[in-house]
Amino acid sequence: GIGRACAALIGRLGARVALVARDVDRLRETMNMISGDGHRFDSCDIRNPDQIGSVAKKITDDFGRIDGAVFAAGISLTRPFKSMSEARYSDLLRTNTYPIPEFIKHLVKKNIIPDNGASFVVISSVMGTVGAPGKIGYCVSKHAVNALVRSMALEMAPLRVRVNSISPGVVLTPMSRTWLSRLPESSLNALKSQHPLGFGEPEDIAALSAFLLSDKASWITGSDIPVDGGYTAQ
């Protein structure tokens, strides 16, 4: 949901967009929502480094120089820590964390990065800053995301490559609507009360993503910016 909103907005602002996800049908749906020409999509299981390398090469061969990217793929898991296993931690990290530097390393080669640099935006979560009962695995993966964003930002600053993360609270995407619909009314109301401005929409995250990708954010790097309706202000 957030990735789709980012793609649609960035397309309206005049960018050529390369979409990457597993589901080809949903990729086609998203392509039809993007204005302008020259866009492309590729199916990829981001847990597979070989597929990442292959897709990155296809995109860079087609587009040439890459001005930036948004990394919005992710999975969640609610489970008490006593029932967590190494396999469950690994699945969260293989989806939410490891693919980000794996993708970026293919997009920062000398002949690909423009002379004025590039910008990479990672969609993290408020769970990368705070904790929550039953979210230990997800929190671990998102804390790791925020750490790698800071490290990559410092390492690539000499190339004028910026790396930032956005940490949303509850955003009403298809995925979140599914698990929200399963909550008892009392739990749903409690969660709503933790967001003083209410739940967010994908477009709220897309707007900040577009800003961070733009030259107007040229002095922002290594930052994690909460967009959470006041969740972490409490």
C-alpha atoms as a PDB file:
ATOM      1  CA  GLY A   1       0.000   0.000   0.000  1.00  0.00           C
ATOM      2  CA  ILE A   2       2.722   2.502   0.925  1.00  0.00           C
ATOM      3  CA  GLY A   3       4.906   1.466  -2.011  1.00  0.00           C
ATOM      4  CA  ARG A   4       2.007   1.883  -4.416  1.00  0.00           C
ATOM      5  CA  ALA A   5       1.200   5.357  -3.071  1.00  0.00           C
ATOM      6  CA  CYS A   6       4.873   6.377  -3.392  1.00  0.00           C
ATOM      7  CA  ALA A   7       5.021   5.132  -6.992  1.00  0.00           C
ATOM      8  CA  ALA A   8       1.842   6.963  -7.971  1.00  0.00           C
ATOM      9  CA  LEU A   9       2.932  10.277  -6.444  1.00  0.00           C
ATOM     10  CA  ILE A  10       6.482  10.127  -7.798  1.00  0.00           C
ATOM     11  CA  GLY A  11       5.090   9.348 -11.246  1.00  0.00           C
ATOM     12  CA  ARG A  12       2.780  12.373 -11.070  1.00  0.00           C
ATOM     13  CA  LEU A  13       5.810  14.500 -10.210  1.00  0.00           C
ATOM     14  CA  GLY A  14       7.504  13.457 -13.446  1.00  0.00           C
ATOM     15  CA  ALA A  15       9.765  10.550 -12.537  1.00  0.00           C
ATOM     16  CA  ARG A  16      10.270   7.378 -14.513  1.00  0.00           C
ATOM     17  CA  VAL A  17       9.398   4.607 -12.103  1.00  0.00           C
ATOM     18  CA  ALA A  18      10.683   1.038 -11.834  1.00  0.00           C
ATOM     19  CA  LEU A  19       8.418  -1.151  -9.720  1.00  0.00           C
ATOM     20  CA  VAL A  20       9.732  -4.263  -7.977  1.00  0.00           C
ATOM     21  CA  ALA A  21       7.579  -6.776  -6.092  1.00  0.00           C
ATOM     22  CA  ARG A  22       6.664 -10.461  -6.129  1.00  0.00           C
ATOM     23  CA  ASP A  23       3.036 -10.282  -7.297  1.00  0.00           C
ATOM     24  CA  VAL A  24       2.895  -9.645 -11.055  1.00  0.00           C
ATOM     25  CA  ASP A  25      -0.854  -8.934 -11.076  1.00  0.00           C
ATOM     26  CA  ARG A  26      -0.523  -6.257  -8.404  1.00  0.00           C
ATOM     27  CA  LEU A  27       2.499  -4.821 -10.219  1.00  0.00           C
ATOM     28  CA  ARG A  28       0.345  -4.420 -13.341  1.00  0.00           C
ATOM     29  CA  GLU A  29      -2.403  -2.774 -11.277  1.00  0.00           C
ATOM     30  CA  THR A  30       0.092  -0.289  -9.875  1.00  0.00           C
ATOM     31  CA  MET A  31       1.559   0.417 -13.322  1.00  0.00           C
ATOM     32  CA  ASN A  32      -1.908   1.436 -14.492  1.00  0.00           C
ATOM     33  CA  MET A  33      -2.097   3.987 -11.665  1.00  0.00           C
ATOM     34  CA  ILE A  34       1.111   5.804 -12.640  1.00  0.00           C
ATOM     35  CA  SER A  35       0.863   8.735 -15.014  1.00  0.00           C
ATOM     36  CA  GLY A  36       3.489   9.393 -17.661  1.00  0.00           C
ATOM     37  CA  ASP A  37       5.541   7.068 -19.832  1.00  0.00           C
ATOM     38  CA  GLY A  38       8.693   4.999 -19.648  1.00  0.00           C
ATOM     39  CA  HIS A  39       7.871   3.075 -16.480  1.00  0.00           C
ATOM     40  CA  ARG A  40       8.671  -0.612 -15.984  1.00  0.00           C
ATOM     41  CA  PHE A  41       8.028  -3.411 -13.521  1.00  0.00           C
ATOM     42  CA  ASP A  42       9.920  -6.539 -12.528  1.00  0.00           C
ATOM     43  CA  SER A  43       8.914  -9.471 -10.384  1.00  0.00           C
ATOM     44  CA  CYS A  44      11.462 -10.329  -7.704  1.00  0.00           C
ATOM     45  CA  ASP A  45      11.630 -12.273  -4.466  1.00  0.00           C
ATOM     46  CA  ILE A  46      13.729  -9.846  -2.443  1.00  0.00           C
ATOM     47  CA  ARG A  47      14.806 -12.650  -0.114  1.00  0.00           C
ATOM     48  CA  ASN A  48      16.893 -14.022  -2.985  1.00  0.00           C
ATOM     49  CA  PRO A  49      20.146 -12.034  -3.516  1.00  0.00           C
ATOM     50  CA  ASP A  50      20.610 -13.471  -7.015  1.00  0.00           C
ATOM     51  CA  GLN A  51      17.191 -12.187  -8.076  1.00  0.00           C
ATOM     52  CA  ILE A  52      17.987  -8.778  -6.601  1.00  0.00           C
ATOM     53  CA  GLY A  53      21.195  -8.552  -8.620  1.00  0.00           C
ATOM     54  CA  SER A  54      19.460  -9.631 -11.816  1.00  0.00           C
ATOM     55  CA  VAL A  55      16.569  -7.161 -11.440  1.00  0.00           C
ATOM     56  CA  ALA A  56      18.877  -4.293 -10.464  1.00  0.00           C
ATOM     57  CA  LYS A  57      20.907  -4.901 -13.638  1.00  0.00           C
ATOM     58  CA  LYS A  58      17.763  -4.889 -15.803  1.00  0.00           C
ATOM     59  CA  ILE A  59      16.632  -1.589 -14.293  1.00  0.00           C
ATOM     60  CA  THR A  60      20.003   0.127 -14.571  1.00  0.00           C
ATOM     61  CA  ASP A  61      20.530  -1.129 -18.122  1.00  0.00           C
ATOM     62  CA  ASP A  62      17.164   0.390 -19.068  1.00  0.00           C
ATOM     63  CA  PHE A  63      17.235   3.605 -17.027  1.00  0.00           C
ATOM     64  CA  GLY A  64      20.949   4.323 -16.977  1.00  0.00           C
ATOM     65  CA  ARG A  65      21.444   6.650 -14.039  1.00  0.00           C
ATOM     66  CA  ILE A  66      19.333   6.109 -10.931  1.00  0.00           C
ATOM     67  CA  ASP A  67      18.327   9.190  -8.930  1.00  0.00           C
ATOM     68  CA  GLY A  68      16.806   7.345  -6.011  1.00  0.00           C
ATOM     69  CA  ALA A  69      14.636   4.545  -4.693  1.00  0.00           C
ATOM     70  CA  VAL A  70      12.051   3.812  -2.017  1.00  0.00           C
ATOM     71  CA  PHE A  71      12.205   0.504  -0.143  1.00  0.00           C
ATOM     72  CA  ALA A  72       8.727  -0.306   1.126  1.00  0.00           C
ATOM     73  CA  ALA A  73       8.574  -4.123   1.110  1.00  0.00           C
ATOM     74  CA  GLY A  74       8.059  -5.775   4.446  1.00  0.00           C
ATOM     75  CA  ILE A  75       6.235  -8.332   6.558  1.00  0.00           C
ATOM     76  CA  SER A  76       5.012  -8.228  10.145  1.00  0.00           C
ATOM     77  CA  LEU A  77       4.565 -10.833  12.846  1.00  0.00           C
ATOM     78  CA  THR A  78       2.828 -10.723  16.222  1.00  0.00           C
ATOM     79  CA  ARG A  79       4.051 -13.457  18.530  1.00  0.00           C
ATOM     80  CA  PRO A  80       5.291 -13.527  22.146  1.00  0.00           C
ATOM     81  CA  PHE A  81       9.044 -13.887  22.474  1.00  0.00           C
ATOM     82  CA  LYS A  82       8.748 -17.294  24.151  1.00  0.00           C
ATOM     83  CA  SER A  83       7.319 -18.746  20.956  1.00  0.00           C
ATOM     84  CA  MET A  84       9.804 -17.066  18.616  1.00  0.00           C
ATOM     85  CA  SER A  85      12.310 -19.282  16.817  1.00  0.00           C
ATOM     86  CA  GLU A  86      15.488 -18.636  14.868  1.00  0.00           C
ATOM     87  CA  ALA A  87      13.559 -19.369  11.668  1.00  0.00           C
ATOM     88  CA  ARG A  88      10.962 -16.681  12.460  1.00  0.00           C
ATOM     89  CA  TYR A  89      13.625 -14.085  13.266  1.00  0.00           C
ATOM     90  CA  SER A  90      15.456 -15.040  10.082  1.00  0.00           C
ATOM     91  CA  ASP A  91      12.337 -14.695   7.925  1.00  0.00           C
ATOM     92  CA  LEU A  92      11.696 -11.174   9.234  1.00  0.00           C
ATOM     93  CA  LEU A  93      15.303 -10.095   8.707  1.00  0.00           C
ATOM     94  CA  ARG A  94      15.520 -11.701   5.250  1.00  0.00           C
ATOM     95  CA  THR A  95      12.477  -9.692   4.154  1.00  0.00           C
ATOM     96  CA  ASN A  96      12.601  -6.436   6.124  1.00  0.00           C
ATOM     97  CA  THR A  97      16.325  -5.797   6.496  1.00  0.00           C
ATOM     98  CA  TYR A  98      18.888  -7.661   4.410  1.00  0.00           C
ATOM     99  CA  PRO A  99      17.477  -6.776   0.945  1.00  0.00           C
ATOM    100  CA  ILE A 100      17.989  -3.032   1.489  1.00  0.00           C
ATOM    101  CA  PRO A 101      21.810  -2.898   1.430  1.00  0.00           C
ATOM    102  CA  GLU A 102      21.810  -5.760  -1.090  1.00  0.00           C
ATOM    103  CA  PHE A 103      19.744  -3.687  -3.535  1.00  0.00           C
ATOM    104  CA  ILE A 104      21.547  -0.424  -2.869  1.00  0.00           C
ATOM    105  CA  LYS A 105      24.993  -1.860  -3.532  1.00  0.00           C
ATOM    106  CA  HIS A 106      23.881  -2.554  -7.114  1.00  0.00           C
ATOM    107  CA  LEU A 107      22.555   1.005  -7.525  1.00  0.00           C
ATOM    108  CA  VAL A 108      25.578   3.000  -6.359  1.00  0.00           C
ATOM    109  CA  LYS A 109      28.128   2.031  -8.980  1.00  0.00           C
ATOM    110  CA  LYS A 110      30.101   4.917 -10.485  1.00  0.00           C
ATOM    111  CA  ASN A 111      28.413   4.813 -13.885  1.00  0.00           C
ATOM    112  CA  ILE A 112      24.930   4.706 -12.338  1.00  0.00           C
ATOM    113  CA  ILE A 113      24.940   7.419  -9.660  1.00  0.00           C
ATOM    114  CA  PRO A 114      24.437  10.939 -11.099  1.00  0.00           C
ATOM    115  CA  ASP A 115      27.125  13.544 -10.430  1.00  0.00           C
ATOM    116  CA  ASN A 116      24.851  15.307  -7.925  1.00  0.00           C
ATOM    117  CA  GLY A 117      24.248  12.084  -6.004  1.00  0.00           C
ATOM    118  CA  ALA A 118      21.134  10.092  -5.241  1.00  0.00           C
ATOM    119  CA  SER A 119      18.617   9.541  -2.463  1.00  0.00           C
ATOM    120  CA  PHE A 120      17.390   6.293  -0.946  1.00  0.00           C
ATOM    121  CA  VAL A 121      14.340   6.196   1.322  1.00  0.00           C
ATOM    122  CA  VAL A 122      13.593   3.212   3.545  1.00  0.00           C
ATOM    123  CA  ILE A 123      10.177   2.658   5.080  1.00  0.00           C
ATOM    124  CA  SER A 124      10.864   1.578   8.656  1.00  0.00           C
ATOM    125  CA  SER A 125       8.345   1.701  11.527  1.00  0.00           C
ATOM    126  CA  VAL A 126       7.770   3.242  14.919  1.00  0.00           C
ATOM    127  CA  MET A 127       8.653  -0.273  16.104  1.00  0.00           C
ATOM    128  CA  GLY A 128      12.208   0.588  15.089  1.00  0.00           C
ATOM    129  CA  THR A 129      12.279   3.094  17.966  1.00  0.00           C
ATOM    130  CA  VAL A 130       9.943   1.684  20.611  1.00  0.00           C
ATOM    131  CA  GLY A 131       8.883  -1.778  21.646  1.00  0.00           C
ATOM    132  CA  ALA A 132       5.526  -3.512  21.931  1.00  0.00           C
ATOM    133  CA  PRO A 133       4.294  -6.765  23.455  1.00  0.00           C
ATOM    134  CA  GLY A 134       4.334  -9.577  20.938  1.00  0.00           C
ATOM    135  CA  LYS A 135       6.371  -7.626  18.359  1.00  0.00           C
ATOM    136  CA  ILE A 136       9.916  -8.620  19.326  1.00  0.00           C
ATOM    137  CA  GLY A 137      10.835 -10.107  15.943  1.00  0.00           C
ATOM    138  CA  TYR A 138       9.388  -7.194  13.981  1.00  0.00           C
ATOM    139  CA  CYS A 139      11.038  -4.698  16.335  1.00  0.00           C
ATOM    140  CA  VAL A 140      14.410  -6.393  15.901  1.00  0.00           C
ATOM    141  CA  SER A 141      14.134  -6.168  12.120  1.00  0.00           C
ATOM    142  CA  LYS A 142      13.143  -2.486  12.156  1.00  0.00           C
ATOM    143  CA  HIS A 143      15.751  -1.454  14.739  1.00  0.00           C
ATOM    144  CA  ALA A 144      18.257  -3.094  12.393  1.00  0.00           C
ATOM    145  CA  VAL A 145      16.865  -1.121   9.451  1.00  0.00           C
ATOM    146  CA  ASN A 146      17.419   2.186  11.270  1.00  0.00           C
ATOM    147  CA  ALA A 147      20.979   1.171  12.166  1.00  0.00           C
ATOM    148  CA  LEU A 148      21.913   0.231   8.607  1.00  0.00           C
ATOM    149  CA  VAL A 149      20.399   3.481   7.303  1.00  0.00           C
ATOM    150  CA  ARG A 150      22.707   5.523   9.537  1.00  0.00           C
ATOM    151  CA  SER A 151      25.763   3.461   8.631  1.00  0.00           C
ATOM    152  CA  MET A 152      25.112   3.555   4.880  1.00  0.00           C
ATOM    153  CA  ALA A 153      24.439   7.298   5.034  1.00  0.00           C
ATOM    154  CA  LEU A 154      27.886   7.912   6.514  1.00  0.00           C
ATOM    155  CA  GLU A 155      29.648   5.494   4.183  1.00  0.00           C
ATOM    156  CA  MET A 156      28.122   6.974   1.032  1.00  0.00           C
ATOM    157  CA  ALA A 157      28.159  10.667   1.951  1.00  0.00           C
ATOM    158  CA  PRO A 158      31.347  11.236  -0.137  1.00  0.00           C
ATOM    159  CA  LEU A 159      29.314  10.103  -3.179  1.00  0.00           C
ATOM    160  CA  ARG A 160      26.541  12.605  -2.323  1.00  0.00           C
ATOM    161  CA  VAL A 161      24.282   9.609  -1.754  1.00  0.00           C
ATOM    162  CA  ARG A 162      21.698  10.218   0.962  1.00  0.00           C
ATOM    163  CA  VAL A 163      19.951   7.479   2.932  1.00  0.00           C
ATOM    164  CA  ASN A 164      17.025   8.169   5.260  1.00  0.00           C
ATOM    165  CA  SER A 165      14.211   6.211   6.848  1.00  0.00           C
ATOM    166  CA  ILE A 166      10.582   7.022   7.571  1.00  0.00           C
ATOM    167  CA  SER A 167       8.897   5.430  10.593  1.00  0.00           C
ATOM    168  CA  PRO A 168       5.121   5.258  10.221  1.00  0.00           C
ATOM    169  CA  GLY A 169       2.644   4.414  12.912  1.00  0.00           C
ATOM    170  CA  VAL A 170      -0.452   2.468  11.860  1.00  0.00           C
ATOM    171  CA  VAL A 171      -1.167   3.285   8.208  1.00  0.00           C
ATOM    172  CA  LEU A 172      -4.385   2.016   6.613  1.00  0.00           C
ATOM    173  CA  THR A 173      -2.942  -0.252   3.927  1.00  0.00           C
ATOM    174  CA  PRO A 174      -4.548  -3.496   2.705  1.00  0.00           C
ATOM    175  CA  MET A 175      -2.199  -5.461   4.998  1.00  0.00           C
ATOM    176  CA  SER A 176      -2.962  -3.416   8.127  1.00  0.00           C
ATOM    177  CA  ARG A 177      -6.708  -3.338   7.444  1.00  0.00           C
ATOM    178  CA  THR A 178      -6.680  -7.147   7.462  1.00  0.00           C
ATOM    179  CA  TRP A 179      -5.139  -7.494  10.908  1.00  0.00           C
ATOM    180  CA  LEU A 180      -7.063  -4.508  12.301  1.00  0.00           C
ATOM    181  CA  SER A 181     -10.308  -6.215  11.294  1.00  0.00           C
ATOM    182  CA  ARG A 182      -9.374  -9.189  13.504  1.00  0.00           C
ATOM    183  CA  LEU A 183      -8.896  -7.122  16.660  1.00  0.00           C
ATOM    184  CA  PRO A 184     -11.552  -6.986  19.381  1.00  0.00           C
ATOM    185  CA  GLU A 185     -13.246  -3.584  19.514  1.00  0.00           C
ATOM    186  CA  SER A 186     -11.559  -2.753  22.828  1.00  0.00           C
ATOM    187  CA  SER A 187      -8.086  -3.444  21.378  1.00  0.00           C
ATOM    188  CA  LEU A 188      -8.853  -1.439  18.231  1.00  0.00           C
ATOM    189  CA  ASN A 189     -10.028   1.538  20.282  1.00  0.00           C
ATOM    190  CA  ALA A 190      -6.921   1.327  22.481  1.00  0.00           C
ATOM    191  CA  LEU A 191      -4.691   1.344  19.388  1.00  0.00           C
ATOM    192  CA  LYS A 192      -6.550   4.313  17.927  1.00  0.00           C
ATOM    193  CA  SER A 193      -6.094   6.219  21.188  1.00  0.00           C
ATOM    194  CA  GLN A 194      -2.313   5.811  20.839  1.00  0.00           C
ATOM    195  CA  HIS A 195      -2.463   7.841  17.603  1.00  0.00           C
ATOM    196  CA  PRO A 196      -3.648  11.347  18.615  1.00  0.00           C
ATOM    197  CA  LEU A 197      -4.250  12.315  14.968  1.00  0.00           C
ATOM    198  CA  GLY A 198      -5.800   8.957  14.119  1.00  0.00           C
ATOM    199  CA  PHE A 199      -4.454   6.313  11.782  1.00  0.00           C
ATOM    200  CA  GLY A 200      -2.511   7.389   8.710  1.00  0.00           C
ATOM    201  CA  GLU A 201      -3.033   6.920   4.984  1.00  0.00           C
ATOM    202  CA  PRO A 202      -0.405   5.688   2.494  1.00  0.00           C
ATOM    203  CA  GLU A 203      -0.337   9.137   0.909  1.00  0.00           C
ATOM    204  CA  ASP A 204       0.946  10.611   4.189  1.00  0.00           C
ATOM    205  CA  ILE A 205       4.087   8.510   3.833  1.00  0.00           C
ATOM    206  CA  ALA A 206       4.365   9.035   0.075  1.00  0.00           C
ATOM    207  CA  ALA A 207       4.485  12.816   0.529  1.00  0.00           C
ATOM    208  CA  LEU A 208       7.532  12.665   2.793  1.00  0.00           C
ATOM    209  CA  SER A 209       9.163  10.059   0.542  1.00  0.00           C
ATOM    210  CA  ALA A 210       8.853  12.388  -2.447  1.00  0.00           C
ATOM    211  CA  PHE A 211      10.403  15.238  -0.446  1.00  0.00           C
ATOM    212  CA  LEU A 212      13.338  13.109   0.717  1.00  0.00           C
ATOM    213  CA  LEU A 213      13.962  11.947  -2.845  1.00  0.00           C
ATOM    214  CA  SER A 214      14.040  15.526  -4.094  1.00  0.00           C
ATOM    215  CA  ASP A 215      16.879  18.057  -4.173  1.00  0.00           C
ATOM    216  CA  LYS A 216      14.963  20.073  -1.555  1.00  0.00           C
ATOM    217  CA  ALA A 217      16.180  17.515   1.013  1.00  0.00           C
ATOM    218  CA  SER A 218      19.806  17.695  -0.111  1.00  0.00           C
ATOM    219  CA  TRP A 219      21.166  18.239   3.444  1.00  0.00           C
ATOM    220  CA  ILE A 220      19.209  15.429   5.106  1.00  0.00           C
ATOM    221  CA  THR A 221      20.876  12.051   5.517  1.00  0.00           C
ATOM    222  CA  GLY A 222      21.101   9.349   8.170  1.00  0.00           C
ATOM    223  CA  SER A 223      17.796  10.502   9.648  1.00  0.00           C
ATOM    224  CA  ASP A 224      14.794   8.517  10.802  1.00  0.00           C
ATOM    225  CA  ILE A 225      11.645  10.627  10.582  1.00  0.00           C
ATOM    226  CA  PRO A 226       8.488   9.515  12.421  1.00  0.00           C
ATOM    227  CA  VAL A 227       5.198  10.011  10.582  1.00  0.00           C
ATOM    228  CA  ASP A 228       2.891   8.499  13.149  1.00  0.00           C
ATOM    229  CA  GLY A 229       0.055  10.835  14.096  1.00  0.00           C
ATOM    230  CA  GLY A 230       1.735  11.565  17.430  1.00  0.00           C
ATOM    231  CA  TYR A 231       2.326   7.921  18.474  1.00  0.00           C
ATOM    232  CA  THR A 232       5.938   8.437  19.609  1.00  0.00           C
ATOM    233  CA  ALA A 233       5.299  11.900  21.100  1.00  0.00           C
ATOM    234  CA  GLN A 234       3.603  10.371  24.124  1.00  0.00           C
END
